Amino acid sequence: MSRSKPAGPASPAAIRQIPIDLIRPGSQQARQHFKPEALAELARSIRESGVIQPVVLRTRVWGYELLAGERRWRAAQLAELHEIPAIVRDDLSDTEAFVVGLIENLQRESLTPMEAASGLKRLGEVFEMTHEQIGERIGKSREYVSNYLRLLNLAPTVQALVNEGHVMLGHAKVLAGVPIDEQIRWADEVIRMKLTVRQLERRVSASRDRKIVFTPGKPGDWQRLERELSDHLACPVTVQADASGKGELRVKFHSLDELDGVLARIGYVAR
């Protein structure tokens, strides 16, 4: 698939007043969760000052599809407005429309962590972009993108805890490097014991140090170890050792994105 350039934020265009009841949210909106108290607060602000930033729409047979600004549109309804300022972007394809909404939400930091992770994953898949290219497109660092995409390695139960704010993003980065069958136990400890990120890191590291050391008995064991490590790290691994037990372990990666994946799987967290 050839890579096309993702659309940017809404280009300068005439702002129009569009009846609120003709607008419907887009089916590809990255944002799915809206806090009632935050909407009520925004509605109070809109009653006093109006909608300052226009929403972005596309024309449809049934009215208008909302591409960006769903929180403002919902709050405007609570404020009992009949119209809302909007920019109509009928020049966008379905994919470009998704990107416009995603970029706005990411720049406003209005998505939950898992919504952001899923949106970034889709952005990379649709346009065949590396983590660094995604970061450049949305005005964030490669580390920002990689850290969010690591959250997709979390067990569904832990993802829900992150979305609900019971597990903070810093803790989630650590948990993403833990085997999936251990994540719920560690997440429970974080909540129950109110662990800081550093405390969690130390506990996870100490747990790894207690693991049994592999002792090979024949060449086939080395081969098996290489296969298992390659599967675990999702990169080719070679192990070499002499009769005294001294040797080296090599991990081959083909891009910085693959290196990020290896680091996440061994539990490394950048400081």
C-alpha atoms as a PDB file:
ATOM      1  CA  MET A   1       0.000   0.000   0.000  1.00  0.00           C
ATOM      2  CA  SER A   2       1.455   3.349  -0.981  1.00  0.00           C
ATOM      3  CA  ARG A   3       1.816   5.880   1.745  1.00  0.00           C
ATOM      4  CA  SER A   4      -0.289   9.009   1.423  1.00  0.00           C
ATOM      5  CA  LYS A   5       0.140  12.098   3.525  1.00  0.00           C
ATOM      6  CA  PRO A   6      -2.317  12.374   6.418  1.00  0.00           C
ATOM      7  CA  ALA A   7      -4.540  15.384   6.495  1.00  0.00           C
ATOM      8  CA  GLY A   8      -3.728  18.152   8.915  1.00  0.00           C
ATOM      9  CA  PRO A   9      -5.943  20.216  11.163  1.00  0.00           C
ATOM     10  CA  ALA A  10      -8.783  22.113   9.556  1.00  0.00           C
ATOM     11  CA  SER A  11      -7.479  24.589   7.006  1.00  0.00           C
ATOM     12  CA  PRO A  12      -8.593  28.215   7.183  1.00  0.00           C
ATOM     13  CA  ALA A  13     -12.168  28.443   5.875  1.00  0.00           C
ATOM     14  CA  ALA A  14     -15.320  30.392   6.445  1.00  0.00           C
ATOM     15  CA  ILE A  15     -16.895  29.733   9.814  1.00  0.00           C
ATOM     16  CA  ARG A  16     -20.616  28.985   9.538  1.00  0.00           C
ATOM     17  CA  GLN A  17     -23.377  28.674  12.103  1.00  0.00           C
ATOM     18  CA  ILE A  18     -24.815  25.154  11.800  1.00  0.00           C
ATOM     19  CA  PRO A  19     -27.993  23.920  13.564  1.00  0.00           C
ATOM     20  CA  ILE A  20     -26.938  21.546  16.335  1.00  0.00           C
ATOM     21  CA  ASP A  21     -29.719  19.057  15.611  1.00  0.00           C
ATOM     22  CA  LEU A  22     -28.347  18.469  12.083  1.00  0.00           C
ATOM     23  CA  ILE A  23     -24.987  17.234  13.440  1.00  0.00           C
ATOM     24  CA  ARG A  24     -24.112  13.634  14.300  1.00  0.00           C
ATOM     25  CA  PRO A  25     -20.794  12.265  15.672  1.00  0.00           C
ATOM     26  CA  GLY A  26     -18.541  10.525  13.145  1.00  0.00           C
ATOM     27  CA  SER A  27     -18.402   6.734  13.277  1.00  0.00           C
ATOM     28  CA  GLN A  28     -14.588   6.806  13.415  1.00  0.00           C
ATOM     29  CA  GLN A  29     -14.208   9.151  16.384  1.00  0.00           C
ATOM     30  CA  ALA A  30     -11.208   8.150  18.511  1.00  0.00           C
ATOM     31  CA  ARG A  31     -12.794   9.591  21.645  1.00  0.00           C
ATOM     32  CA  GLN A  32     -15.414   7.408  23.318  1.00  0.00           C
ATOM     33  CA  HIS A  33     -15.515   8.651  26.935  1.00  0.00           C
ATOM     34  CA  PHE A  34     -16.798  12.023  28.176  1.00  0.00           C
ATOM     35  CA  LYS A  35     -16.844  12.946  31.863  1.00  0.00           C
ATOM     36  CA  PRO A  36     -20.263  14.388  32.795  1.00  0.00           C
ATOM     37  CA  GLU A  37     -18.783  16.874  35.288  1.00  0.00           C
ATOM     38  CA  ALA A  38     -16.324  18.208  32.694  1.00  0.00           C
ATOM     39  CA  LEU A  39     -19.111  18.594  30.123  1.00  0.00           C
ATOM     40  CA  ALA A  40     -21.254  20.463  32.653  1.00  0.00           C
ATOM     41  CA  GLU A  41     -18.372  22.834  33.409  1.00  0.00           C
ATOM     42  CA  LEU A  42     -17.801  23.505  29.703  1.00  0.00           C
ATOM     43  CA  ALA A  43     -21.533  24.067  29.215  1.00  0.00           C
ATOM     44  CA  ARG A  44     -21.474  26.772  31.913  1.00  0.00           C
ATOM     45  CA  SER A  45     -18.569  28.451  30.123  1.00  0.00           C
ATOM     46  CA  ILE A  46     -20.407  28.277  26.795  1.00  0.00           C
ATOM     47  CA  ARG A  47     -23.513  29.895  28.309  1.00  0.00           C
ATOM     48  CA  GLU A  48     -21.359  32.831  29.394  1.00  0.00           C
ATOM     49  CA  SER A  49     -18.921  33.183  26.492  1.00  0.00           C
ATOM     50  CA  GLY A  50     -20.236  31.044  23.631  1.00  0.00           C
ATOM     51  CA  VAL A  51     -18.284  28.447  21.639  1.00  0.00           C
ATOM     52  CA  ILE A  52     -14.871  29.978  20.980  1.00  0.00           C
ATOM     53  CA  GLN A  53     -13.318  27.243  18.819  1.00  0.00           C
ATOM     54  CA  PRO A  54     -15.441  26.031  15.862  1.00  0.00           C
ATOM     55  CA  VAL A  55     -16.104  22.340  15.366  1.00  0.00           C
ATOM     56  CA  VAL A  56     -15.145  20.588  12.109  1.00  0.00           C
ATOM     57  CA  LEU A  57     -17.823  18.905   9.974  1.00  0.00           C
ATOM     58  CA  ARG A  58     -18.455  17.132   6.669  1.00  0.00           C
ATOM     59  CA  THR A  59     -21.682  17.395   4.698  1.00  0.00           C
ATOM     60  CA  ARG A  60     -23.802  14.240   4.565  1.00  0.00           C
ATOM     61  CA  VAL A  61     -27.180  13.423   2.979  1.00  0.00           C
ATOM     62  CA  TRP A  62     -28.790  13.447   6.434  1.00  0.00           C
ATOM     63  CA  GLY A  63     -27.004  16.582   7.679  1.00  0.00           C
ATOM     64  CA  TYR A  64     -23.430  16.973   8.971  1.00  0.00           C
ATOM     65  CA  GLU A  65     -20.880  14.478  10.279  1.00  0.00           C
ATOM     66  CA  LEU A  66     -18.817  15.700  13.234  1.00  0.00           C
ATOM     67  CA  LEU A  67     -15.073  15.229  12.651  1.00  0.00           C
ATOM     68  CA  ALA A  68     -13.575  17.254  15.511  1.00  0.00           C
ATOM     69  CA  GLY A  69     -15.061  18.981  18.540  1.00  0.00           C
ATOM     70  CA  GLU A  70     -17.536  16.424  19.892  1.00  0.00           C
ATOM     71  CA  ARG A  71     -17.002  17.624  23.477  1.00  0.00           C
ATOM     72  CA  ARG A  72     -17.920  21.201  22.436  1.00  0.00           C
ATOM     73  CA  TRP A  73     -20.951  19.927  20.514  1.00  0.00           C
ATOM     74  CA  ARG A  74     -22.200  17.923  23.515  1.00  0.00           C
ATOM     75  CA  ALA A  75     -21.624  20.839  25.897  1.00  0.00           C
ATOM     76  CA  ALA A  76     -23.412  23.230  23.513  1.00  0.00           C
ATOM     77  CA  GLN A  77     -26.465  20.957  23.690  1.00  0.00           C
ATOM     78  CA  LEU A  78     -26.335  21.079  27.488  1.00  0.00           C
ATOM     79  CA  ALA A  79     -26.116  24.875  27.225  1.00  0.00           C
ATOM     80  CA  GLU A  80     -29.296  24.723  25.080  1.00  0.00           C
ATOM     81  CA  LEU A  81     -27.745  26.412  22.049  1.00  0.00           C
ATOM     82  CA  HIS A  82     -29.516  25.979  18.729  1.00  0.00           C
ATOM     83  CA  GLU A  83     -26.485  26.596  16.501  1.00  0.00           C
ATOM     84  CA  ILE A  84     -22.743  26.087  16.780  1.00  0.00           C
ATOM     85  CA  PRO A  85     -19.841  27.691  14.833  1.00  0.00           C
ATOM     86  CA  ALA A  86     -18.325  25.199  12.412  1.00  0.00           C
ATOM     87  CA  ILE A  87     -15.872  24.748   9.562  1.00  0.00           C
ATOM     88  CA  VAL A  88     -17.168  22.398   6.848  1.00  0.00           C
ATOM     89  CA  ARG A  89     -14.451  20.212   5.278  1.00  0.00           C
ATOM     90  CA  ASP A  90     -16.048  18.408   2.338  1.00  0.00           C
ATOM     91  CA  ASP A  91     -12.594  17.957   0.784  1.00  0.00           C
ATOM     92  CA  LEU A  92     -11.623  15.150   3.182  1.00  0.00           C
ATOM     93  CA  SER A  93     -11.740  11.416   2.542  1.00  0.00           C
ATOM     94  CA  ASP A  94     -12.889   9.026   5.269  1.00  0.00           C
ATOM     95  CA  THR A  95      -9.305   8.332   6.337  1.00  0.00           C
ATOM     96  CA  GLU A  96      -8.341  12.025   6.300  1.00  0.00           C
ATOM     97  CA  ALA A  97     -11.429  12.849   8.345  1.00  0.00           C
ATOM     98  CA  PHE A  98     -10.342  10.342  11.005  1.00  0.00           C
ATOM     99  CA  VAL A  99      -6.861  11.867  11.144  1.00  0.00           C
ATOM    100  CA  VAL A 100      -8.200  15.417  11.580  1.00  0.00           C
ATOM    101  CA  GLY A 101     -10.210  14.360  14.624  1.00  0.00           C
ATOM    102  CA  LEU A 102      -7.370  12.269  16.060  1.00  0.00           C
ATOM    103  CA  ILE A 103      -4.801  15.047  15.756  1.00  0.00           C
ATOM    104  CA  GLU A 104      -7.077  17.592  17.405  1.00  0.00           C
ATOM    105  CA  ASN A 105      -7.845  15.267  20.314  1.00  0.00           C
ATOM    106  CA  LEU A 106      -4.178  14.357  20.802  1.00  0.00           C
ATOM    107  CA  GLN A 107      -3.070  17.979  20.709  1.00  0.00           C
ATOM    108  CA  ARG A 108      -5.770  18.874  23.227  1.00  0.00           C
ATOM    109  CA  GLU A 109      -4.882  15.783  25.307  1.00  0.00           C
ATOM    110  CA  SER A 110      -8.591  15.012  25.549  1.00  0.00           C
ATOM    111  CA  LEU A 111      -8.382  11.246  24.893  1.00  0.00           C
ATOM    112  CA  THR A 112      -8.078   8.546  27.530  1.00  0.00           C
ATOM    113  CA  PRO A 113      -4.691   6.753  27.425  1.00  0.00           C
ATOM    114  CA  MET A 114      -6.117   3.704  25.655  1.00  0.00           C
ATOM    115  CA  GLU A 115      -8.045   5.850  23.154  1.00  0.00           C
ATOM    116  CA  ALA A 116      -4.796   7.663  22.358  1.00  0.00           C
ATOM    117  CA  ALA A 117      -2.924   4.355  21.986  1.00  0.00           C
ATOM    118  CA  SER A 118      -5.544   2.897  19.638  1.00  0.00           C
ATOM    119  CA  GLY A 119      -5.699   6.092  17.585  1.00  0.00           C
ATOM    120  CA  LEU A 120      -1.911   6.254  17.195  1.00  0.00           C
ATOM    121  CA  LYS A 121      -1.826   2.576  16.202  1.00  0.00           C
ATOM    122  CA  ARG A 122      -4.405   3.147  13.498  1.00  0.00           C
ATOM    123  CA  LEU A 123      -2.633   6.271  12.256  1.00  0.00           C
ATOM    124  CA  GLY A 124       0.585   4.284  11.865  1.00  0.00           C
ATOM    125  CA  GLU A 125      -1.155   1.374  10.149  1.00  0.00           C
ATOM    126  CA  VAL A 126      -3.155   3.452   7.675  1.00  0.00           C
ATOM    127  CA  PHE A 127      -0.205   5.558   6.527  1.00  0.00           C
ATOM    128  CA  GLU A 128       2.575   2.985   7.147  1.00  0.00           C
ATOM    129  CA  MET A 129       4.379   5.418   9.441  1.00  0.00           C
ATOM    130  CA  THR A 130       7.135   4.708  11.963  1.00  0.00           C
ATOM    131  CA  HIS A 131       6.844   5.893  15.560  1.00  0.00           C
ATOM    132  CA  GLU A 132       9.094   8.838  14.727  1.00  0.00           C
ATOM    133  CA  GLN A 133       6.995   9.839  11.696  1.00  0.00           C
ATOM    134  CA  ILE A 134       3.787   9.632  13.745  1.00  0.00           C
ATOM    135  CA  GLY A 135       5.378  11.866  16.366  1.00  0.00           C
ATOM    136  CA  GLU A 136       6.407  14.430  13.765  1.00  0.00           C
ATOM    137  CA  ARG A 137       2.891  14.441  12.301  1.00  0.00           C
ATOM    138  CA  ILE A 138       1.140  15.130  15.614  1.00  0.00           C
ATOM    139  CA  GLY A 139       3.834  17.334  17.127  1.00  0.00           C
ATOM    140  CA  LYS A 140       5.008  14.811  19.739  1.00  0.00           C
ATOM    141  CA  SER A 141       8.278  12.952  20.350  1.00  0.00           C
ATOM    142  CA  ARG A 142       9.008   9.390  19.225  1.00  0.00           C
ATOM    143  CA  GLU A 143       9.181   8.407  22.896  1.00  0.00           C
ATOM    144  CA  TYR A 144       5.666   9.788  23.448  1.00  0.00           C
ATOM    145  CA  VAL A 145       4.305   7.640  20.612  1.00  0.00           C
ATOM    146  CA  SER A 146       6.231   4.505  21.660  1.00  0.00           C
ATOM    147  CA  ASN A 147       5.146   4.810  25.293  1.00  0.00           C
ATOM    148  CA  TYR A 148       1.474   5.021  24.338  1.00  0.00           C
ATOM    149  CA  LEU A 149       1.669   2.159  21.851  1.00  0.00           C
ATOM    150  CA  ARG A 150       3.206  -0.025  24.584  1.00  0.00           C
ATOM    151  CA  LEU A 151      -0.070   0.298  26.479  1.00  0.00           C
ATOM    152  CA  LEU A 152      -1.656  -1.985  23.878  1.00  0.00           C
ATOM    153  CA  ASN A 153       0.443  -4.798  25.411  1.00  0.00           C
ATOM    154  CA  LEU A 154      -1.617  -4.524  28.607  1.00  0.00           C
ATOM    155  CA  ALA A 155      -4.237  -7.079  29.570  1.00  0.00           C
ATOM    156  CA  PRO A 156      -7.819  -5.809  28.910  1.00  0.00           C
ATOM    157  CA  THR A 157      -8.528  -5.604  32.651  1.00  0.00           C
ATOM    158  CA  VAL A 158      -5.463  -3.429  33.194  1.00  0.00           C
ATOM    159  CA  GLN A 159      -6.357  -1.266  30.189  1.00  0.00           C
ATOM    160  CA  ALA A 160      -9.714  -0.562  31.825  1.00  0.00           C
ATOM    161  CA  LEU A 161      -7.984   0.400  35.090  1.00  0.00           C
ATOM    162  CA  VAL A 162      -5.759   2.822  33.151  1.00  0.00           C
ATOM    163  CA  ASN A 163      -8.727   4.384  31.355  1.00  0.00           C
ATOM    164  CA  GLU A 164     -10.607   4.814  34.622  1.00  0.00           C
ATOM    165  CA  GLY A 165      -7.628   6.499  36.284  1.00  0.00           C
ATOM    166  CA  HIS A 166      -7.014   3.777  38.883  1.00  0.00           C
ATOM    167  CA  VAL A 167      -3.609   3.039  37.347  1.00  0.00           C
ATOM    168  CA  MET A 168      -1.576   6.057  36.237  1.00  0.00           C
ATOM    169  CA  LEU A 169       0.264   6.281  32.921  1.00  0.00           C
ATOM    170  CA  GLY A 170       3.688   5.947  34.568  1.00  0.00           C
ATOM    171  CA  HIS A 171       2.670   2.704  36.260  1.00  0.00           C
ATOM    172  CA  ALA A 172       1.092   1.463  33.017  1.00  0.00           C
ATOM    173  CA  LYS A 173       4.414   1.872  31.152  1.00  0.00           C
ATOM    174  CA  VAL A 174       6.061  -0.429  33.696  1.00  0.00           C
ATOM    175  CA  LEU A 175       3.206  -2.957  33.607  1.00  0.00           C
ATOM    176  CA  ALA A 176       3.374  -3.114  29.800  1.00  0.00           C
ATOM    177  CA  GLY A 177       6.819  -4.738  30.124  1.00  0.00           C
ATOM    178  CA  VAL A 178       5.559  -7.425  32.519  1.00  0.00           C
ATOM    179  CA  PRO A 179       4.271 -10.802  31.194  1.00  0.00           C
ATOM    180  CA  ILE A 180       0.551 -10.438  30.558  1.00  0.00           C
ATOM    181  CA  ASP A 181      -0.368 -13.174  33.041  1.00  0.00           C
ATOM    182  CA  GLU A 182       1.306 -11.165  35.853  1.00  0.00           C
ATOM    183  CA  GLN A 183      -0.039  -7.712  35.007  1.00  0.00           C
ATOM    184  CA  ILE A 184      -3.308  -7.916  36.940  1.00  0.00           C
ATOM    185  CA  ARG A 185      -1.477  -8.986  40.119  1.00  0.00           C
ATOM    186  CA  TRP A 186       0.950  -6.079  39.836  1.00  0.00           C
ATOM    187  CA  ALA A 187      -1.855  -3.611  39.012  1.00  0.00           C
ATOM    188  CA  ASP A 188      -3.706  -4.782  42.105  1.00  0.00           C
ATOM    189  CA  GLU A 189      -0.598  -4.131  44.214  1.00  0.00           C
ATOM    190  CA  VAL A 190      -0.256  -0.638  42.734  1.00  0.00           C
ATOM    191  CA  ILE A 191      -3.838   0.222  43.728  1.00  0.00           C
ATOM    192  CA  ARG A 192      -3.943  -1.598  47.064  1.00  0.00           C
ATOM    193  CA  MET A 193      -0.553  -0.420  48.333  1.00  0.00           C
ATOM    194  CA  LYS A 194      -0.561   2.971  46.571  1.00  0.00           C
ATOM    195  CA  LEU A 195       2.854   2.274  45.052  1.00  0.00           C
ATOM    196  CA  THR A 196       4.808   5.022  43.328  1.00  0.00           C
ATOM    197  CA  VAL A 197       6.255   4.306  39.884  1.00  0.00           C
ATOM    198  CA  ARG A 198       9.731   3.885  41.374  1.00  0.00           C
ATOM    199  CA  GLN A 199       8.446   1.474  44.021  1.00  0.00           C
ATOM    200  CA  LEU A 200       6.734  -0.588  41.335  1.00  0.00           C
ATOM    201  CA  GLU A 201       9.905  -0.647  39.241  1.00  0.00           C
ATOM    202  CA  ARG A 202      11.961  -1.874  42.206  1.00  0.00           C
ATOM    203  CA  ARG A 203       9.446  -4.598  43.085  1.00  0.00           C
ATOM    204  CA  VAL A 204       9.225  -5.834  39.489  1.00  0.00           C
ATOM    205  CA  SER A 205      13.033  -5.810  39.184  1.00  0.00           C
ATOM    206  CA  ALA A 206      13.452  -7.718  42.467  1.00  0.00           C
ATOM    207  CA  SER A 207      10.907 -10.292  41.290  1.00  0.00           C
ATOM    208  CA  ARG A 208      12.898 -10.882  38.104  1.00  0.00           C
ATOM    209  CA  ASP A 209      16.132 -11.275  40.056  1.00  0.00           C
ATOM    210  CA  ARG A 210      14.588 -14.204  41.926  1.00  0.00           C
ATOM    211  CA  LYS A 211      13.861 -16.137  38.708  1.00  0.00           C
ATOM    212  CA  ILE A 212      15.690 -19.472  38.233  1.00  0.00           C
ATOM    213  CA  VAL A 213      18.818 -19.227  36.063  1.00  0.00           C
ATOM    214  CA  PHE A 214      18.867 -21.432  32.966  1.00  0.00           C
ATOM    215  CA  THR A 215      21.643 -24.071  33.028  1.00  0.00           C
ATOM    216  CA  PRO A 216      22.229 -25.768  29.675  1.00  0.00           C
ATOM    217  CA  GLY A 217      23.104 -29.446  29.565  1.00  0.00           C
ATOM    218  CA  LYS A 218      23.695 -29.937  25.829  1.00  0.00           C
ATOM    219  CA  PRO A 219      23.859 -27.893  22.584  1.00  0.00           C
ATOM    220  CA  GLY A 220      20.151 -28.468  21.933  1.00  0.00           C
ATOM    221  CA  ASP A 221      19.355 -26.526  25.108  1.00  0.00           C
ATOM    222  CA  TRP A 222      21.153 -23.491  23.717  1.00  0.00           C
ATOM    223  CA  GLN A 223      19.120 -23.711  20.523  1.00  0.00           C
ATOM    224  CA  ARG A 224      15.903 -24.022  22.482  1.00  0.00           C
ATOM    225  CA  LEU A 225      16.879 -21.031  24.619  1.00  0.00           C
ATOM    226  CA  GLU A 226      17.595 -18.971  21.496  1.00  0.00           C
ATOM    227  CA  ARG A 227      14.191 -19.890  20.014  1.00  0.00           C
ATOM    228  CA  GLU A 228      12.326 -19.072  23.212  1.00  0.00           C
ATOM    229  CA  LEU A 229      14.130 -15.753  23.678  1.00  0.00           C
ATOM    230  CA  SER A 230      13.539 -14.856  20.018  1.00  0.00           C
ATOM    231  CA  ASP A 231       9.821 -15.566  20.452  1.00  0.00           C
ATOM    232  CA  HIS A 232       9.662 -13.592  23.702  1.00  0.00           C
ATOM    233  CA  LEU A 233      11.508 -10.535  22.359  1.00  0.00           C
ATOM    234  CA  ALA A 234      10.066 -10.748  18.809  1.00  0.00           C
ATOM    235  CA  CYS A 235      13.636 -10.328  17.437  1.00  0.00           C
ATOM    236  CA  PRO A 236      16.400 -12.787  16.463  1.00  0.00           C
ATOM    237  CA  VAL A 237      18.511 -13.790  19.494  1.00  0.00           C
ATOM    238  CA  THR A 238      21.830 -15.674  19.520  1.00  0.00           C
ATOM    239  CA  VAL A 239      23.602 -17.063  22.604  1.00  0.00           C
ATOM    240  CA  GLN A 240      27.263 -18.103  22.675  1.00  0.00           C
ATOM    241  CA  ALA A 241      29.280 -19.443  25.627  1.00  0.00           C
ATOM    242  CA  ASP A 242      32.548 -21.269  26.249  1.00  0.00           C
ATOM    243  CA  ALA A 243      33.193 -24.206  28.592  1.00  0.00           C
ATOM    244  CA  SER A 244      33.667 -21.902  31.577  1.00  0.00           C
ATOM    245  CA  GLY A 245      30.216 -20.421  31.115  1.00  0.00           C
ATOM    246  CA  LYS A 246      31.400 -17.034  29.820  1.00  0.00           C
ATOM    247  CA  GLY A 247      29.733 -15.756  26.686  1.00  0.00           C
ATOM    248  CA  GLU A 248      27.423 -13.226  25.145  1.00  0.00           C
ATOM    249  CA  LEU A 249      23.788 -12.791  24.195  1.00  0.00           C
ATOM    250  CA  ARG A 250      22.989 -10.820  21.040  1.00  0.00           C
ATOM    251  CA  VAL A 251      19.637  -9.332  20.055  1.00  0.00           C
ATOM    252  CA  LYS A 252      19.243  -8.189  16.454  1.00  0.00           C
ATOM    253  CA  PHE A 253      16.781  -5.399  15.629  1.00  0.00           C
ATOM    254  CA  HIS A 254      16.088  -3.623  12.345  1.00  0.00           C
ATOM    255  CA  SER A 255      14.693  -0.284  13.515  1.00  0.00           C
ATOM    256  CA  LEU A 256      14.331   1.933  16.566  1.00  0.00           C
ATOM    257  CA  ASP A 257      10.695   0.829  16.752  1.00  0.00           C
ATOM    258  CA  GLU A 258      11.821  -2.808  17.121  1.00  0.00           C
ATOM    259  CA  LEU A 259      14.344  -1.749  19.781  1.00  0.00           C
ATOM    260  CA  ASP A 260      11.535   0.003  21.682  1.00  0.00           C
ATOM    261  CA  GLY A 261       9.583  -3.245  21.569  1.00  0.00           C
ATOM    262  CA  VAL A 262      12.545  -5.232  22.945  1.00  0.00           C
ATOM    263  CA  LEU A 263      13.093  -2.727  25.748  1.00  0.00           C
ATOM    264  CA  ALA A 264       9.407  -2.870  26.672  1.00  0.00           C
ATOM    265  CA  ARG A 265       9.452  -6.665  26.819  1.00  0.00           C
ATOM    266  CA  ILE A 266      12.443  -6.746  29.180  1.00  0.00           C
ATOM    267  CA  GLY A 267      10.833  -4.113  31.382  1.00  0.00           C
ATOM    268  CA  TYR A 268      13.220  -1.230  30.673  1.00  0.00           C
ATOM    269  CA  VAL A 269      11.744   2.189  31.434  1.00  0.00           C
ATOM    270  CA  ALA A 270      13.650   5.283  30.242  1.00  0.00           C
ATOM    271  CA  ARG A 271      14.495   7.831  32.938  1.00  0.00           C
END
